C-alpha atoms as a PDB file:
ATOM      1  CA  MET A   1     111.005  98.616 -73.596  1.00  0.00           C
ATOM      2  CA  LEU A   2     110.983 100.280 -76.996  1.00  0.00           C
ATOM      3  CA  LYS A   3     114.708  99.553 -77.383  1.00  0.00           C
ATOM      4  CA  GLU A   4     114.110  95.882 -76.510  1.00  0.00           C
ATOM      5  CA  PHE A   5     111.350  95.689 -79.108  1.00  0.00           C
ATOM      6  CA  LYS A   6     113.592  97.305 -81.720  1.00  0.00           C
ATOM      7  CA  ASP A   7     116.405  94.853 -80.906  1.00  0.00           C
ATOM      8  CA  PHE A   8     113.957  91.950 -81.180  1.00  0.00           C
ATOM      9  CA  ILE A   9     112.610  93.087 -84.541  1.00  0.00           C
ATOM     10  CA  MET A  10     116.036  93.786 -85.981  1.00  0.00           C
ATOM     11  CA  ARG A  11     117.354  90.309 -85.145  1.00  0.00           C
ATOM     12  CA  GLY A  12     118.212  88.471 -88.320  1.00  0.00           C
ATOM     13  CA  ASN A  13     115.880  85.521 -87.879  1.00  0.00           C
ATOM     14  CA  VAL A  14     112.825  87.694 -87.124  1.00  0.00           C
ATOM     15  CA  LEU A  15     113.535  89.902 -90.108  1.00  0.00           C
ATOM     16  CA  ASP A  16     114.098  86.858 -92.332  1.00  0.00           C
ATOM     17  CA  MET A  17     110.822  85.356 -91.142  1.00  0.00           C
ATOM     18  CA  ALA A  18     108.922  88.572 -91.881  1.00  0.00           C
ATOM     19  CA  ILE A  19     110.405  88.738 -95.375  1.00  0.00           C
ATOM     20  CA  GLY A  20     109.544  85.059 -95.912  1.00  0.00           C
ATOM     21  CA  ILE A  21     105.938  85.632 -94.881  1.00  0.00           C
ATOM     22  CA  VAL A  22     105.540  88.588 -97.258  1.00  0.00           C
ATOM     23  CA  ILE A  23     107.126  86.715-100.158  1.00  0.00           C
ATOM     24  CA  GLY A  24     105.099  83.607 -99.299  1.00  0.00           C
ATOM     25  CA  ALA A  25     101.857  85.578 -99.369  1.00  0.00           C
ATOM     26  CA  ALA A  26     102.747  87.079-102.736  1.00  0.00           C
ATOM     27  CA  PHE A  27     103.749  83.648-104.076  1.00  0.00           C
ATOM     28  CA  GLY A  28     100.472  82.196-102.775  1.00  0.00           C
ATOM     29  CA  ALA A  29      98.504  84.871-104.625  1.00  0.00           C
ATOM     30  CA  VAL A  30     100.386  84.153-107.865  1.00  0.00           C
ATOM     31  CA  VAL A  31      99.823  80.408-107.525  1.00  0.00           C
ATOM     32  CA  LYS A  32      96.123  80.902-106.738  1.00  0.00           C
ATOM     33  CA  SER A  33      95.802  83.092-109.824  1.00  0.00           C
ATOM     34  CA  PHE A  34      97.655  80.458-111.881  1.00  0.00           C
ATOM     35  CA  VAL A  35      95.304  77.729-110.679  1.00  0.00           C
ATOM     36  CA  ASN A  36      92.112  79.763-111.108  1.00  0.00           C
ATOM     37  CA  ASN A  37      92.966  81.510-114.378  1.00  0.00           C
ATOM     38  CA  ILE A  38      95.444  79.277-116.252  1.00  0.00           C
ATOM     39  CA  LEU A  39      95.189  75.677-115.040  1.00  0.00           C
ATOM     40  CA  MET A  40      91.512  75.171-114.246  1.00  0.00           C
ATOM     41  CA  PRO A  41      89.821  76.756-117.311  1.00  0.00           C
ATOM     42  CA  PRO A  42      91.102  74.025-119.674  1.00  0.00           C
ATOM     43  CA  ILE A  43      90.052  71.384-117.151  1.00  0.00           C
ATOM     44  CA  GLY A  44      86.642  73.057-116.927  1.00  0.00           C
ATOM     45  CA  LEU A  45      86.456  73.061-120.721  1.00  0.00           C
ATOM     46  CA  LEU A  46      87.065  69.312-120.715  1.00  0.00           C
ATOM     47  CA  MET A  47      84.219  68.981-118.207  1.00  0.00           C
ATOM     48  CA  GLY A  48      81.697  70.530-120.574  1.00  0.00           C
ATOM     49  CA  GLY A  49      82.672  74.184-120.480  1.00  0.00           C
ATOM     50  CA  ARG A  50      81.920  74.730-116.786  1.00  0.00           C
ATOM     51  CA  ASP A  51      83.800  77.074-114.523  1.00  0.00           C
ATOM     52  CA  PHE A  52      85.459  74.659-112.138  1.00  0.00           C
ATOM     53  CA  SER A  53      85.016  77.016-109.188  1.00  0.00           C
ATOM     54  CA  ASP A  54      81.238  76.894-109.819  1.00  0.00           C
ATOM     55  CA  LEU A  55      80.998  73.149-109.221  1.00  0.00           C
ATOM     56  CA  PHE A  56      78.953  72.580-106.094  1.00  0.00           C
ATOM     57  CA  LEU A  57      76.413  70.284-104.525  1.00  0.00           C
ATOM     58  CA  VAL A  58      73.191  71.701-103.122  1.00  0.00           C
ATOM     59  CA  LEU A  59      72.621  70.279 -99.650  1.00  0.00           C
ATOM     60  CA  LYS A  60      69.423  72.254 -99.006  1.00  0.00           C
ATOM     61  CA  ALA A  61      67.535  74.472-101.422  1.00  0.00           C
ATOM     62  CA  GLY A  62      67.151  78.120-100.595  1.00  0.00           C
ATOM     63  CA  ALA A  63      64.109  80.409-100.616  1.00  0.00           C
ATOM     64  CA  LYS A  64      64.158  80.273-104.397  1.00  0.00           C
ATOM     65  CA  PRO A  65      64.230  76.616-105.513  1.00  0.00           C
ATOM     66  CA  GLY A  66      67.036  75.395-107.791  1.00  0.00           C
ATOM     67  CA  PRO A  67      68.649  74.384-110.012  1.00  0.00           C
ATOM     68  CA  TYR A  68      71.171  77.151-109.620  1.00  0.00           C
ATOM     69  CA  PRO A  69      73.429  78.035-112.559  1.00  0.00           C
ATOM     70  CA  THR A  70      76.312  79.299-110.417  1.00  0.00           C
ATOM     71  CA  LEU A  71      77.595  79.076-106.880  1.00  0.00           C
ATOM     72  CA  ALA A  72      76.901  82.787-106.399  1.00  0.00           C
ATOM     73  CA  ALA A  73      73.279  82.298-107.496  1.00  0.00           C
ATOM     74  CA  ALA A  74      72.850  79.423-105.047  1.00  0.00           C
ATOM     75  CA  LYS A  75      74.281  81.481-102.188  1.00  0.00           C
ATOM     76  CA  ASP A  76      72.103  84.473-103.136  1.00  0.00           C
ATOM     77  CA  ALA A  77      69.037  82.220-102.989  1.00  0.00           C
ATOM     78  CA  GLY A  78      70.026  81.141 -99.487  1.00  0.00           C
ATOM     79  CA  ALA A  79      70.827  77.563-100.433  1.00  0.00           C
ATOM     80  CA  VAL A  80      73.164  75.481 -98.305  1.00  0.00           C
ATOM     81  CA  VAL A  81      75.881  74.341-100.695  1.00  0.00           C
ATOM     82  CA  TRP A  82      79.018  72.249-100.668  1.00  0.00           C
ATOM     83  CA  PRO A  83      81.403  74.113-103.033  1.00  0.00           C
ATOM     84  CA  TRP A  84      83.689  71.215-103.890  1.00  0.00           C
ATOM     85  CA  GLY A  85      85.086  72.954-106.995  1.00  0.00           C
ATOM     86  CA  VAL A  86      86.462  75.859-104.929  1.00  0.00           C
ATOM     87  CA  PHE A  87      87.920  73.378-102.444  1.00  0.00           C
ATOM     88  CA  THR A  88      89.558  71.445-105.281  1.00  0.00           C
ATOM     89  CA  ASN A  89      91.101  74.674-106.629  1.00  0.00           C
ATOM     90  CA  ASP A  90      92.499  75.429-103.166  1.00  0.00           C
ATOM     91  CA  VAL A  91      93.918  71.898-102.800  1.00  0.00           C
ATOM     92  CA  ILE A  92      95.643  72.176-106.192  1.00  0.00           C
ATOM     93  CA  ALA A  93      97.087  75.584-105.236  1.00  0.00           C
ATOM     94  CA  PHE A  94      98.317  74.108-101.937  1.00  0.00           C
ATOM     95  CA  LEU A  95      99.981  71.178-103.724  1.00  0.00           C
ATOM     96  CA  ILE A  96     101.777  73.533-106.121  1.00  0.00           C
ATOM     97  CA  ILE A  97     103.005  75.718-103.235  1.00  0.00           C
ATOM     98  CA  ALA A  98     104.056  72.668-101.206  1.00  0.00           C
ATOM     99  CA  PHE A  99     105.986  71.276-104.185  1.00  0.00           C
ATOM    100  CA  ALA A 100     107.718  74.625-104.759  1.00  0.00           C
ATOM    101  CA  ILE A 101     108.719  74.795-101.087  1.00  0.00           C
ATOM    102  CA  PHE A 102     109.960  71.199-101.290  1.00  0.00           C
ATOM    103  CA  LEU A 103     112.173  72.142-104.252  1.00  0.00           C
ATOM    104  CA  VAL A 104     113.578  75.167-102.405  1.00  0.00           C
ATOM    105  CA  VAL A 105     114.329  73.149 -99.249  1.00  0.00           C
ATOM    106  CA  LYS A 106     115.871  70.357-101.332  1.00  0.00           C
ATOM    107  CA  GLY A 107     118.097  72.887-103.123  1.00  0.00           C
ATOM    108  CA  VAL A 108     119.210  74.508 -99.873  1.00  0.00           C
ATOM    109  CA  ASN A 109     119.941  71.115 -98.318  1.00  0.00           C
ATOM    110  CA  SER A 110     122.012  70.030-101.321  1.00  0.00           C
ATOM    111  CA  MET A 111     123.993  73.295-101.162  1.00  0.00           C
ATOM    112  CA  ARG A 112     124.645  72.733 -97.449  1.00  0.00           C
ATOM    113  CA  LYS A 113     125.695  69.154 -98.143  1.00  0.00           C
ATOM    114  CA  LYS A 114     128.191  70.322-100.791  1.00  0.00           C
ATOM    115  CA  GLU A 115     129.638  72.848 -98.325  1.00  0.00           C
ATOM    116  CA  GLU A 116     130.024  70.128 -95.715  1.00  0.00           C
ATOM    117  CA  GLU A 117     131.621  67.721 -98.198  1.00  0.00           C
ATOM    118  CA  ALA A 118     134.141  70.264 -99.455  1.00  0.00           C
ATOM    119  CA  PRO A 119     137.493  69.489 -97.882  1.00  0.00           C
ATOM    120  CA  ALA A 120     138.846  72.095 -95.549  1.00  0.00           C
ATOM    121  CA  PRO A 121     142.001  73.793 -96.799  1.00  0.00           C
ATOM    122  CA  PRO A 122     145.148  72.436 -95.194  1.00  0.00           C
ATOM    123  CA  PRO A 123     146.214  74.422 -92.153  1.00  0.00           C
ATOM    124  CA  GLN A 124     148.860  77.036 -92.784  1.00  0.00           C
ATOM    125  CA  PRO A 125     152.145  76.479 -90.951  1.00  0.00           C
ATOM    126  CA  SER A 126     152.810  78.767 -88.029  1.00  0.00           C
ATOM    127  CA  ALA A 127     155.594  81.365 -88.108  1.00  0.00           C
ATOM    128  CA  GLU A 128     157.846  79.037 -86.085  1.00  0.00           C
ATOM    129  CA  GLU A 129     157.258  76.167 -88.508  1.00  0.00           C
ATOM    130  CA  LYS A 130     158.077  78.407 -91.469  1.00  0.00           C
ATOM    131  CA  LEU A 131     161.303  79.536 -89.795  1.00  0.00           C
ATOM    132  CA  LEU A 132     162.305  75.965 -88.966  1.00  0.00           C
ATOM    133  CA  THR A 133     161.597  74.920 -92.565  1.00  0.00           C
ATOM    134  CA  GLU A 134     163.847  77.692 -93.867  1.00  0.00           C
ATOM    135  CA  ILE A 135     166.643  76.659 -91.480  1.00  0.00           C
ATOM    136  CA  ARG A 136     166.265  73.022 -92.561  1.00  0.00           C
ATOM    137  CA  ASP A 137     166.454  73.980 -96.246  1.00  0.00           C
ATOM    138  CA  LEU A 138     169.548  76.156 -95.647  1.00  0.00           C
ATOM    139  CA  LEU A 139     171.293  73.330 -93.808  1.00  0.00           C
ATOM    140  CA  ALA A 140     170.380  70.847 -96.511  1.00  0.00           C
ATOM    141  CA  ASN A 141     171.876  73.102 -99.213  1.00  0.00           C
ATOM    142  CA  LYS A 142     175.311  73.295 -97.449  1.00  0.00           C
END
């Protein structure tokens, strides 16, 4: 059973999938950091200097009545909130990741298409054909 498991894990497609998942998780973390730390602060600045991830709607006030300056303060007070800024950050990160994956798949497909379009080299003559060609050329030279 252990040998079967080892054979399963060492198959190329399983190993490739595992590598893809690890790289995908790392790429997702980089994109999330890009969205939260590079892309959204200027957008938040345009919206009056607010941290975009702190944009929320209070659905029900908590034990301590609002207004709440931050999402963390609202949650600490026990308020029921709709954190639409965090959701928007996640949607933007998803769109960036989806676009990057689209570009990778498009590149791979175009490379495959070029390989398919490339003409196959002409078949090499067999040993008999080469010998017959030599005999023909010798007879033609006489």
